[in-house]
Amino acid sequence: MRNLFFLLIGFSLFTHELSAQKVFSTDYAHQADLKVFVADYAHQADLSVFLVDYAHQAEGNEGLWFFTKYAHQADKRVFFVDYAHQADLKIFIVDYPHQAKWQNTSKKHLMFR
């Protein structure tokens, strides 16, 4: 019974954490959860991101992002920096959803809620 309880708790935390791809772009770095740099090439990025049209399409932690209109709607607040060395996460915007993926899985925790 105890193991079942921990298994259910772990599963609910895991599924809850995966929906962290609704993002809000802040005006100031101190308002953000993380700083993001948009790379010129995919090989320079930690994450390839596809921008979806609807919030329900931004499930999981595989690079499908939806930008919300208001900060309270977002799972993560991001601030876009001008230089790669300032960033917590480097992204590359892709043209198709199947191209969205993590290049550097060690940074995957940054997009968990």
Protein backbone atom coordinates (compact mmCIF):
# COMPACT_ATOMS: atom_id res chain seq x y z
CA MET A 1 0.00 0.00 0.00
CA ARG A 2 2.80 2.41 0.89
CA ASN A 3 4.62 1.72 -2.38
CA LEU A 4 1.39 2.32 -4.31
CA PHE A 5 0.97 5.68 -2.55
CA PHE A 6 4.50 6.81 -3.52
CA LEU A 7 4.00 5.52 -7.05
CA LEU A 8 0.78 7.53 -7.45
CA ILE A 9 2.37 10.65 -5.97
CA GLY A 10 5.38 10.32 -8.26
CA PHE A 11 3.18 9.77 -11.32
CA SER A 12 1.03 12.81 -10.55
CA LEU A 13 4.12 15.00 -10.06
CA PHE A 14 5.66 13.68 -13.26
CA THR A 15 2.58 14.31 -15.40
CA HIS A 16 2.04 17.72 -13.81
CA GLU A 17 5.61 18.80 -14.55
CA LEU A 18 5.48 17.87 -18.20
CA SER A 19 3.09 20.62 -19.24
CA ALA A 20 5.57 23.47 -18.98
CA GLN A 21 5.64 24.74 -22.53
CA LYS A 22 3.24 27.67 -22.19
CA VAL A 23 5.57 30.63 -21.99
CA PHE A 24 5.28 34.36 -21.45
CA SER A 25 7.91 36.81 -22.65
CA THR A 26 8.75 39.36 -19.94
CA ASP A 27 10.04 42.87 -20.44
CA TYR A 28 12.72 42.61 -17.74
CA ALA A 29 15.15 39.86 -16.72
CA HIS A 30 14.18 40.02 -13.03
CA GLN A 31 10.58 39.09 -13.94
CA ALA A 32 11.61 35.87 -15.70
CA ASP A 33 12.09 32.30 -14.57
CA LEU A 34 14.88 31.88 -17.10
CA LYS A 35 16.84 33.80 -19.70
CA VAL A 36 16.65 32.57 -23.29
CA PHE A 37 18.86 33.20 -26.31
CA VAL A 38 17.68 32.50 -29.86
CA ALA A 39 20.52 30.85 -31.76
CA ASP A 40 21.16 31.26 -35.48
CA TYR A 41 21.74 27.54 -36.05
CA ALA A 42 20.25 24.34 -34.59
CA HIS A 43 23.63 22.94 -33.52
CA GLN A 44 24.16 26.00 -31.28
CA ALA A 45 20.93 25.42 -29.35
CA ASP A 46 19.98 23.37 -26.31
CA LEU A 47 16.40 23.04 -27.58
CA SER A 48 14.77 23.23 -30.99
CA VAL A 49 11.40 24.96 -30.54
CA PHE A 50 8.29 24.91 -32.71
CA LEU A 51 5.77 27.67 -32.02
CA VAL A 52 2.23 26.26 -31.90
CA ASP A 53 -0.97 28.18 -32.56
CA TYR A 54 -3.04 26.94 -29.60
CA ALA A 55 -2.29 26.36 -25.90
CA HIS A 56 -3.56 22.76 -25.94
CA GLN A 57 -0.88 21.90 -28.51
CA ALA A 58 1.90 22.83 -26.07
CA GLU A 59 1.81 19.67 -23.99
CA GLY A 60 4.92 17.84 -22.87
CA ASN A 61 8.49 19.03 -22.62
CA GLU A 62 9.66 18.48 -26.18
CA GLY A 63 9.90 22.00 -27.53
CA LEU A 64 6.33 22.80 -28.56
CA TRP A 65 5.87 26.33 -27.21
CA PHE A 66 2.81 28.52 -26.98
CA PHE A 67 3.24 32.18 -26.04
CA THR A 68 0.52 33.37 -23.68
CA LYS A 69 -0.91 36.86 -23.62
CA TYR A 70 -0.60 37.19 -19.83
CA ALA A 71 2.06 36.04 -17.37
CA HIS A 72 -0.41 34.21 -15.10
CA GLN A 73 -1.40 31.92 -18.00
CA ALA A 74 2.16 30.71 -18.53
CA ASP A 75 4.05 27.80 -17.06
CA LYS A 76 7.36 29.65 -17.53
CA ARG A 77 8.23 33.31 -17.86
CA VAL A 78 11.19 33.93 -20.16
CA PHE A 79 13.35 36.92 -20.93
CA PHE A 80 15.15 37.03 -24.27
CA VAL A 81 18.79 38.07 -24.00
CA ASP A 82 21.05 39.49 -26.69
CA TYR A 83 24.06 37.23 -26.13
CA ALA A 84 24.41 33.45 -25.72
CA HIS A 85 26.61 33.73 -22.61
CA GLN A 86 23.78 35.54 -20.78
CA ALA A 87 21.29 32.72 -21.34
CA ASP A 88 20.16 29.83 -19.19
CA LEU A 89 18.71 28.17 -22.29
CA LYS A 90 19.60 28.53 -25.97
CA ILE A 91 16.82 27.78 -28.45
CA PHE A 92 16.49 27.50 -32.21
CA ILE A 93 13.11 28.08 -33.87
CA VAL A 94 12.18 25.31 -36.33
CA ASP A 95 9.63 25.25 -39.15
CA TYR A 96 7.88 21.95 -38.38
CA PRO A 97 6.65 20.31 -35.15
CA HIS A 98 8.55 17.06 -35.75
CA GLN A 99 11.82 19.04 -35.65
CA ALA A 100 11.22 20.19 -32.06
CA LYS A 101 13.55 18.32 -29.69
CA TRP A 102 16.19 18.63 -27.01
CA GLN A 103 19.78 18.77 -28.23
CA ASN A 104 21.12 19.14 -24.68
CA THR A 105 19.00 16.98 -22.37
CA SER A 106 20.93 18.18 -19.31
CA LYS A 107 18.98 21.45 -19.62
CA LYS A 108 15.58 19.72 -19.81
CA HIS A 109 14.89 20.44 -16.14
CA LEU A 110 14.75 24.18 -16.89
CA MET A 111 11.36 23.82 -18.57
CA PHE A 112 9.75 21.81 -15.76
CA ARG A 113 7.33 23.73 -13.59
